[in-house]
Amino acid sequence: MTRLINTLLLLGASVTGAQCTSPHVPSLNVPSCDKGKGSVQYDRSVPNGESKFPLTKVDLCYTDKAINITFTALEEVNYFYNASYTTNDPIYLYEVMEAFIYHGTADPTSYFEFEVSPNNITWQAFIYNPSKIRAPGAPFDGGPLSMPLADGLLASTVLDKAAGSWVSQATLPLGLFNVDDGTAKGTKWRMNFLRTVVAPATFPDQGLGAWSPTNQSNFHMTPFFGHVSFV
């Protein structure tokens, strides 16, 4: 557990003095997969969207049993990952694309985090963040899913270095979020989509980007999660 807490704390930089004041956040309507996809793209950095960031796209839809997410990393240069890592190793220290997901409309204190690397290694865990901003001295904990394939979490990743891109397709069971099969239509969610970039020469100093940029170098600020409706 000590290792888990320590690695979770590495997911963002120090947030001493972090504040969050009712940010304006984006919204997205997501259809069922037989009707299309909801799509977002972002190219602004964290914090505050103050700098250009490599263009990133995310497409979502839902089926009777799952949420399907396609992550597309564009303007990729490094494809930097640790080839020795396996499931639930700290891939977030390198280059990943991520989704933070909560079923409900509030700023959550607990939520699901899914990450995938360019070599298709995944990291997945439920996060407990009662301060909602990973405040100094506040609890920050979580539990990874130790058998994601058995649980129905699937991922496949294709690299196209000539095009400067990589694409990961992920499937997350609705049951992870206490949504019964066939009942996703009409549900409301809070989500954020995120990406890290880093080169061998600059490691471990990462560039951070997000659909809804936070105001600190810290992804774990739930008031910044966007609003998502399954229509």
C-alpha atoms as a PDB file:
ATOM      1  CA  MET A   1       0.000   0.000   0.000  1.00  0.00           C
ATOM      2  CA  THR A   2       2.874   2.382   0.742  1.00  0.00           C
ATOM      3  CA  ARG A   3       4.170   1.873  -2.806  1.00  0.00           C
ATOM      4  CA  LEU A   4       0.694   2.521  -4.223  1.00  0.00           C
ATOM      5  CA  ILE A   5       0.314   5.781  -2.315  1.00  0.00           C
ATOM      6  CA  ASN A   6       3.767   6.934  -3.357  1.00  0.00           C
ATOM      7  CA  THR A   7       3.190   6.165  -7.032  1.00  0.00           C
ATOM      8  CA  LEU A   8      -0.201   7.857  -6.994  1.00  0.00           C
ATOM      9  CA  LEU A   9       1.409  10.994  -5.634  1.00  0.00           C
ATOM     10  CA  LEU A  10       3.710  11.003  -8.646  1.00  0.00           C
ATOM     11  CA  LEU A  11       0.786  11.455 -11.016  1.00  0.00           C
ATOM     12  CA  GLY A  12       1.028  15.238 -10.709  1.00  0.00           C
ATOM     13  CA  ALA A  13       3.488  17.819  -9.514  1.00  0.00           C
ATOM     14  CA  SER A  14       3.337  19.425  -6.071  1.00  0.00           C
ATOM     15  CA  VAL A  15       0.111  21.302  -5.405  1.00  0.00           C
ATOM     16  CA  THR A  16       1.111  23.265  -2.335  1.00  0.00           C
ATOM     17  CA  GLY A  17      -1.266  26.196  -2.095  1.00  0.00           C
ATOM     18  CA  ALA A  18      -3.520  24.797  -4.825  1.00  0.00           C
ATOM     19  CA  GLN A  19      -6.865  26.501  -5.198  1.00  0.00           C
ATOM     20  CA  CYS A  20      -9.909  25.852  -7.332  1.00  0.00           C
ATOM     21  CA  THR A  21     -12.677  28.397  -7.794  1.00  0.00           C
ATOM     22  CA  SER A  22     -15.695  27.137  -9.756  1.00  0.00           C
ATOM     23  CA  PRO A  23     -14.038  26.739 -13.156  1.00  0.00           C
ATOM     24  CA  HIS A  24     -15.983  26.872 -16.390  1.00  0.00           C
ATOM     25  CA  VAL A  25     -15.733  23.363 -17.814  1.00  0.00           C
ATOM     26  CA  PRO A  26     -16.585  21.889 -21.229  1.00  0.00           C
ATOM     27  CA  SER A  27     -19.455  19.536 -21.964  1.00  0.00           C
ATOM     28  CA  LEU A  28     -20.057  16.683 -24.407  1.00  0.00           C
ATOM     29  CA  ASN A  29     -23.004  14.629 -25.632  1.00  0.00           C
ATOM     30  CA  VAL A  30     -22.163  10.981 -26.322  1.00  0.00           C
ATOM     31  CA  PRO A  31     -24.447   8.765 -28.451  1.00  0.00           C
ATOM     32  CA  SER A  32     -24.737   5.005 -28.507  1.00  0.00           C
ATOM     33  CA  CYS A  33     -22.178   3.361 -30.770  1.00  0.00           C
ATOM     34  CA  ASP A  34     -24.795   2.390 -33.344  1.00  0.00           C
ATOM     35  CA  LYS A  35     -25.578   6.094 -33.835  1.00  0.00           C
ATOM     36  CA  GLY A  36     -22.108   7.620 -33.875  1.00  0.00           C
ATOM     37  CA  LYS A  37     -19.557   9.054 -31.486  1.00  0.00           C
ATOM     38  CA  GLY A  38     -19.027  12.092 -29.334  1.00  0.00           C
ATOM     39  CA  SER A  39     -15.679  13.724 -30.052  1.00  0.00           C
ATOM     40  CA  VAL A  40     -13.362  16.194 -28.372  1.00  0.00           C
ATOM     41  CA  GLN A  41      -9.920  17.493 -29.188  1.00  0.00           C
ATOM     42  CA  TYR A  42      -7.433  19.567 -27.272  1.00  0.00           C
ATOM     43  CA  ASP A  43      -4.087  21.219 -27.885  1.00  0.00           C
ATOM     44  CA  ARG A  44      -3.551  23.320 -24.747  1.00  0.00           C
ATOM     45  CA  SER A  45      -1.250  22.601 -21.851  1.00  0.00           C
ATOM     46  CA  VAL A  46      -1.727  22.178 -18.138  1.00  0.00           C
ATOM     47  CA  PRO A  47      -1.843  24.426 -16.187  1.00  0.00           C
ATOM     48  CA  ASN A  48      -4.410  26.908 -17.498  1.00  0.00           C
ATOM     49  CA  GLY A  49      -4.084  26.021 -21.168  1.00  0.00           C
ATOM     50  CA  GLU A  50      -1.354  28.609 -21.360  1.00  0.00           C
ATOM     51  CA  SER A  51       0.845  26.907 -23.963  1.00  0.00           C
ATOM     52  CA  LYS A  52       0.491  24.936 -27.173  1.00  0.00           C
ATOM     53  CA  PHE A  53       0.340  21.169 -26.641  1.00  0.00           C
ATOM     54  CA  PRO A  54       0.406  18.324 -29.200  1.00  0.00           C
ATOM     55  CA  LEU A  55      -3.041  17.855 -30.689  1.00  0.00           C
ATOM     56  CA  THR A  56      -4.987  15.042 -29.047  1.00  0.00           C
ATOM     57  CA  LYS A  57      -8.422  13.636 -29.923  1.00  0.00           C
ATOM     58  CA  VAL A  58     -10.859  11.451 -28.005  1.00  0.00           C
ATOM     59  CA  ASP A  59     -13.958   9.724 -29.413  1.00  0.00           C
ATOM     60  CA  LEU A  60     -16.566   8.077 -27.177  1.00  0.00           C
ATOM     61  CA  CYS A  61     -19.692   6.016 -27.528  1.00  0.00           C
ATOM     62  CA  TYR A  62     -21.533   3.455 -25.423  1.00  0.00           C
ATOM     63  CA  THR A  63     -23.029   0.015 -25.977  1.00  0.00           C
ATOM     64  CA  ASP A  64     -25.383  -2.037 -23.829  1.00  0.00           C
ATOM     65  CA  LYS A  65     -22.383  -3.232 -21.824  1.00  0.00           C
ATOM     66  CA  ALA A  66     -19.476  -0.806 -22.118  1.00  0.00           C
ATOM     67  CA  ILE A  67     -17.993   2.603 -22.832  1.00  0.00           C
ATOM     68  CA  ASN A  68     -15.806   2.582 -25.935  1.00  0.00           C
ATOM     69  CA  ILE A  69     -13.056   5.213 -26.080  1.00  0.00           C
ATOM     70  CA  THR A  70     -10.657   5.944 -28.915  1.00  0.00           C
ATOM     71  CA  PHE A  71      -7.634   8.022 -27.920  1.00  0.00           C
ATOM     72  CA  THR A  72      -5.638   9.603 -30.760  1.00  0.00           C
ATOM     73  CA  ALA A  73      -2.254  11.201 -30.064  1.00  0.00           C
ATOM     74  CA  LEU A  74      -1.138  13.473 -32.903  1.00  0.00           C
ATOM     75  CA  GLU A  75       2.067  15.480 -33.369  1.00  0.00           C
ATOM     76  CA  GLU A  76       3.888  12.693 -31.532  1.00  0.00           C
ATOM     77  CA  VAL A  77       7.676  12.737 -31.620  1.00  0.00           C
ATOM     78  CA  ASN A  78       9.039  10.449 -28.935  1.00  0.00           C
ATOM     79  CA  TYR A  79       6.756   7.423 -28.401  1.00  0.00           C
ATOM     80  CA  PHE A  80       8.580   7.200 -25.088  1.00  0.00           C
ATOM     81  CA  TYR A  81       7.722   4.329 -22.729  1.00  0.00           C
ATOM     82  CA  ASN A  82       9.465   1.831 -20.493  1.00  0.00           C
ATOM     83  CA  ALA A  83       9.509  -1.474 -22.354  1.00  0.00           C
ATOM     84  CA  SER A  84      10.002  -3.439 -19.131  1.00  0.00           C
ATOM     85  CA  TYR A  85       6.713  -2.268 -17.611  1.00  0.00           C
ATOM     86  CA  THR A  86       3.621  -4.450 -17.463  1.00  0.00           C
ATOM     87  CA  THR A  87       0.030  -3.921 -16.311  1.00  0.00           C
ATOM     88  CA  ASN A  88      -0.320  -1.358 -13.490  1.00  0.00           C
ATOM     89  CA  ASP A  89       3.351  -0.436 -13.463  1.00  0.00           C
ATOM     90  CA  PRO A  90       3.871   3.372 -13.310  1.00  0.00           C
ATOM     91  CA  ILE A  91       3.496   4.024 -17.027  1.00  0.00           C
ATOM     92  CA  TYR A  92       2.340   7.574 -16.172  1.00  0.00           C
ATOM     93  CA  LEU A  93       5.980   8.538 -15.629  1.00  0.00           C
ATOM     94  CA  TYR A  94       6.421   8.310 -19.415  1.00  0.00           C
ATOM     95  CA  GLU A  95       3.957   9.020 -22.245  1.00  0.00           C
ATOM     96  CA  VAL A  96       0.315   8.042 -21.796  1.00  0.00           C
ATOM     97  CA  MET A  97      -3.215   9.051 -22.678  1.00  0.00           C
ATOM     98  CA  GLU A  98      -5.719   9.006 -19.841  1.00  0.00           C
ATOM     99  CA  ALA A  99      -9.373   9.244 -18.896  1.00  0.00           C
ATOM    100  CA  PHE A 100     -10.769  10.180 -15.478  1.00  0.00           C
ATOM    101  CA  ILE A 101     -14.383   9.007 -15.220  1.00  0.00           C
ATOM    102  CA  TYR A 102     -17.152   9.453 -12.627  1.00  0.00           C
ATOM    103  CA  HIS A 103     -20.806   8.431 -12.964  1.00  0.00           C
ATOM    104  CA  GLY A 104     -22.749  11.400 -11.617  1.00  0.00           C
ATOM    105  CA  THR A 105     -22.862  15.197 -11.825  1.00  0.00           C
ATOM    106  CA  ALA A 106     -21.007  16.339  -8.687  1.00  0.00           C
ATOM    107  CA  ASP A 107     -17.335  17.200  -8.355  1.00  0.00           C
ATOM    108  CA  PRO A 108     -16.327  13.688  -7.283  1.00  0.00           C
ATOM    109  CA  THR A 109     -14.223  12.596  -4.346  1.00  0.00           C
ATOM    110  CA  SER A 110     -13.671   9.187  -5.953  1.00  0.00           C
ATOM    111  CA  TYR A 111     -13.403   8.279  -9.620  1.00  0.00           C
ATOM    112  CA  PHE A 112     -11.883   5.811 -12.061  1.00  0.00           C
ATOM    113  CA  GLU A 113      -8.595   6.456 -13.832  1.00  0.00           C
ATOM    114  CA  PHE A 114      -7.590   4.631 -17.005  1.00  0.00           C
ATOM    115  CA  GLU A 115      -4.242   5.070 -18.766  1.00  0.00           C
ATOM    116  CA  VAL A 116      -2.658   3.521 -21.844  1.00  0.00           C
ATOM    117  CA  SER A 117       0.890   3.808 -23.179  1.00  0.00           C
ATOM    118  CA  PRO A 118       2.169   3.689 -26.776  1.00  0.00           C
ATOM    119  CA  ASN A 119       3.102   0.005 -26.317  1.00  0.00           C
ATOM    120  CA  ASN A 120      -0.443  -0.808 -25.118  1.00  0.00           C
ATOM    121  CA  ILE A 121       0.312  -1.255 -21.424  1.00  0.00           C
ATOM    122  CA  THR A 122      -2.538  -0.085 -19.194  1.00  0.00           C
ATOM    123  CA  TRP A 123      -2.888   1.310 -15.691  1.00  0.00           C
ATOM    124  CA  GLN A 124      -6.338   1.366 -14.094  1.00  0.00           C
ATOM    125  CA  ALA A 125      -7.450   2.241 -10.591  1.00  0.00           C
ATOM    126  CA  PHE A 126     -10.176   3.744  -8.469  1.00  0.00           C
ATOM    127  CA  ILE A 127      -8.922   6.977  -6.903  1.00  0.00           C
ATOM    128  CA  TYR A 128      -9.950   8.380  -3.518  1.00  0.00           C
ATOM    129  CA  ASN A 129      -9.365  12.137  -3.424  1.00  0.00           C
ATOM    130  CA  PRO A 130     -11.612  13.640  -0.705  1.00  0.00           C
ATOM    131  CA  SER A 131     -10.165  17.138  -1.028  1.00  0.00           C
ATOM    132  CA  LYS A 132     -11.098  17.018  -4.756  1.00  0.00           C
ATOM    133  CA  ILE A 133      -7.819  18.787  -5.609  1.00  0.00           C
ATOM    134  CA  ARG A 134      -5.186  16.473  -4.067  1.00  0.00           C
ATOM    135  CA  ALA A 135      -4.589  19.090  -1.405  1.00  0.00           C
ATOM    136  CA  PRO A 136      -1.418  18.956   0.691  1.00  0.00           C
ATOM    137  CA  GLY A 137      -1.922  16.856   3.812  1.00  0.00           C
ATOM    138  CA  ALA A 138      -5.273  15.477   2.665  1.00  0.00           C
ATOM    139  CA  PRO A 139      -5.840  11.764   2.030  1.00  0.00           C
ATOM    140  CA  PHE A 140      -5.067  10.618  -1.505  1.00  0.00           C
ATOM    141  CA  ASP A 141      -5.330   6.907  -2.133  1.00  0.00           C
ATOM    142  CA  GLY A 142      -6.481   4.335  -4.602  1.00  0.00           C
ATOM    143  CA  GLY A 143      -6.755   0.729  -5.605  1.00  0.00           C
ATOM    144  CA  PRO A 144      -5.692  -0.691  -8.975  1.00  0.00           C
ATOM    145  CA  LEU A 145      -7.664  -3.393 -10.761  1.00  0.00           C
ATOM    146  CA  SER A 146      -5.358  -6.390 -10.655  1.00  0.00           C
ATOM    147  CA  MET A 147      -7.139  -8.420 -13.366  1.00  0.00           C
ATOM    148  CA  PRO A 148      -8.316  -5.885 -15.957  1.00  0.00           C
ATOM    149  CA  LEU A 149      -8.658  -8.379 -18.813  1.00  0.00           C
ATOM    150  CA  ALA A 150     -10.795 -10.692 -16.691  1.00  0.00           C
ATOM    151  CA  ASP A 151     -12.844  -7.656 -15.648  1.00  0.00           C
ATOM    152  CA  GLY A 152     -13.521  -6.801 -19.292  1.00  0.00           C
ATOM    153  CA  LEU A 153     -11.157  -3.846 -19.730  1.00  0.00           C
ATOM    154  CA  LEU A 154      -9.670  -4.121 -23.201  1.00  0.00           C
ATOM    155  CA  ALA A 155      -7.165  -1.998 -25.104  1.00  0.00           C
ATOM    156  CA  SER A 156      -5.452  -2.112 -28.480  1.00  0.00           C
ATOM    157  CA  THR A 157      -2.889   0.380 -29.752  1.00  0.00           C
ATOM    158  CA  VAL A 158      -1.476   1.135 -33.201  1.00  0.00           C
ATOM    159  CA  LEU A 159       1.560   3.360 -33.830  1.00  0.00           C
ATOM    160  CA  ASP A 160       2.049   5.264 -37.095  1.00  0.00           C
ATOM    161  CA  LYS A 161       5.443   6.901 -36.776  1.00  0.00           C
ATOM    162  CA  ALA A 162       5.368   8.181 -40.344  1.00  0.00           C
ATOM    163  CA  ALA A 163       2.225  10.145 -39.479  1.00  0.00           C
ATOM    164  CA  GLY A 164       3.444  11.127 -35.999  1.00  0.00           C
ATOM    165  CA  SER A 165       0.506   9.472 -34.260  1.00  0.00           C
ATOM    166  CA  TRP A 166      -0.641   6.622 -32.070  1.00  0.00           C
ATOM    167  CA  VAL A 167      -4.187   5.430 -31.510  1.00  0.00           C
ATOM    168  CA  SER A 168      -5.527   3.392 -28.607  1.00  0.00           C
ATOM    169  CA  GLN A 169      -8.988   1.883 -28.486  1.00  0.00           C
ATOM    170  CA  ALA A 170     -10.309   0.986 -25.043  1.00  0.00           C
ATOM    171  CA  THR A 171     -13.402  -0.749 -23.709  1.00  0.00           C
ATOM    172  CA  LEU A 172     -14.534  -0.116 -20.126  1.00  0.00           C
ATOM    173  CA  PRO A 173     -17.456  -2.147 -18.721  1.00  0.00           C
ATOM    174  CA  LEU A 174     -20.456  -0.115 -17.539  1.00  0.00           C
ATOM    175  CA  GLY A 175     -20.554  -2.242 -14.409  1.00  0.00           C
ATOM    176  CA  LEU A 176     -17.402  -0.513 -13.145  1.00  0.00           C
ATOM    177  CA  PHE A 177     -19.567   2.561 -12.664  1.00  0.00           C
ATOM    178  CA  ASN A 178     -22.646   0.841 -11.185  1.00  0.00           C
ATOM    179  CA  VAL A 179     -24.549   1.138 -14.458  1.00  0.00           C
ATOM    180  CA  ASP A 180     -26.539  -1.965 -15.340  1.00  0.00           C
ATOM    181  CA  ASP A 181     -26.297  -3.375 -18.856  1.00  0.00           C
ATOM    182  CA  GLY A 182     -28.700  -1.646 -21.231  1.00  0.00           C
ATOM    183  CA  THR A 183     -29.319   1.373 -18.989  1.00  0.00           C
ATOM    184  CA  ALA A 184     -26.570   3.813 -20.061  1.00  0.00           C
ATOM    185  CA  LYS A 185     -28.812   6.087 -22.127  1.00  0.00           C
ATOM    186  CA  GLY A 186     -29.682   9.219 -20.173  1.00  0.00           C
ATOM    187  CA  THR A 187     -26.883   8.857 -17.636  1.00  0.00           C
ATOM    188  CA  LYS A 188     -24.745  11.844 -16.616  1.00  0.00           C
ATOM    189  CA  TRP A 189     -21.011  11.794 -16.057  1.00  0.00           C
ATOM    190  CA  ARG A 190     -17.991  13.864 -15.130  1.00  0.00           C
ATOM    191  CA  MET A 191     -14.845  13.169 -17.137  1.00  0.00           C
ATOM    192  CA  ASN A 192     -11.514  14.584 -18.138  1.00  0.00           C
ATOM    193  CA  PHE A 193      -9.129  13.417 -20.856  1.00  0.00           C
ATOM    194  CA  LEU A 194      -5.402  13.905 -20.471  1.00  0.00           C
ATOM    195  CA  ARG A 195      -2.047  13.230 -22.079  1.00  0.00           C
ATOM    196  CA  THR A 196       1.581  13.332 -21.014  1.00  0.00           C
ATOM    197  CA  VAL A 197       4.558  13.883 -23.315  1.00  0.00           C
ATOM    198  CA  VAL A 198       8.234  13.512 -22.509  1.00  0.00           C
ATOM    199  CA  ALA A 199      11.469  12.853 -24.394  1.00  0.00           C
ATOM    200  CA  PRO A 200      14.417  10.725 -23.263  1.00  0.00           C
ATOM    201  CA  ALA A 201      16.489  13.909 -23.039  1.00  0.00           C
ATOM    202  CA  THR A 202      13.973  15.702 -20.816  1.00  0.00           C
ATOM    203  CA  PHE A 203      12.761  12.758 -18.694  1.00  0.00           C
ATOM    204  CA  PRO A 204      11.286  12.924 -16.065  1.00  0.00           C
ATOM    205  CA  ASP A 205      10.026  16.464 -16.821  1.00  0.00           C
ATOM    206  CA  GLN A 206       6.724  15.910 -18.616  1.00  0.00           C
ATOM    207  CA  GLY A 207       4.500  18.147 -20.669  1.00  0.00           C
ATOM    208  CA  LEU A 208       0.855  17.893 -19.598  1.00  0.00           C
ATOM    209  CA  GLY A 209      -2.273  18.486 -21.647  1.00  0.00           C
ATOM    210  CA  ALA A 210      -5.992  18.124 -20.982  1.00  0.00           C
ATOM    211  CA  TRP A 211      -9.444  18.550 -22.484  1.00  0.00           C
ATOM    212  CA  SER A 212     -10.307  20.651 -19.434  1.00  0.00           C
ATOM    213  CA  PRO A 213      -7.013  22.143 -18.236  1.00  0.00           C
ATOM    214  CA  THR A 214      -6.570  22.512 -14.499  1.00  0.00           C
ATOM    215  CA  ASN A 215      -5.025  25.605 -12.918  1.00  0.00           C
ATOM    216  CA  GLN A 216      -2.138  23.647 -11.388  1.00  0.00           C
ATOM    217  CA  SER A 217       0.327  21.096 -12.748  1.00  0.00           C
ATOM    218  CA  ASN A 218      -1.938  18.449 -11.261  1.00  0.00           C
ATOM    219  CA  PHE A 219      -4.512  16.378 -13.137  1.00  0.00           C
ATOM    220  CA  HIS A 220      -6.366  15.372  -9.959  1.00  0.00           C
ATOM    221  CA  MET A 221      -8.645  18.406  -9.595  1.00  0.00           C
ATOM    222  CA  THR A 222     -12.198  17.156 -10.001  1.00  0.00           C
ATOM    223  CA  PRO A 223     -13.993  20.537 -10.226  1.00  0.00           C
ATOM    224  CA  PHE A 224     -12.329  20.760 -13.660  1.00  0.00           C
ATOM    225  CA  PHE A 225     -13.887  17.527 -14.925  1.00  0.00           C
ATOM    226  CA  GLY A 226     -16.130  18.178 -17.915  1.00  0.00           C
ATOM    227  CA  HIS A 227     -19.834  17.303 -18.061  1.00  0.00           C
ATOM    228  CA  VAL A 228     -20.746  14.331 -20.265  1.00  0.00           C
ATOM    229  CA  SER A 229     -24.255  13.133 -21.158  1.00  0.00           C
ATOM    230  CA  PHE A 230     -25.074   9.781 -22.721  1.00  0.00           C
ATOM    231  CA  VAL A 231     -27.873  10.597 -25.144  1.00  0.00           C
END
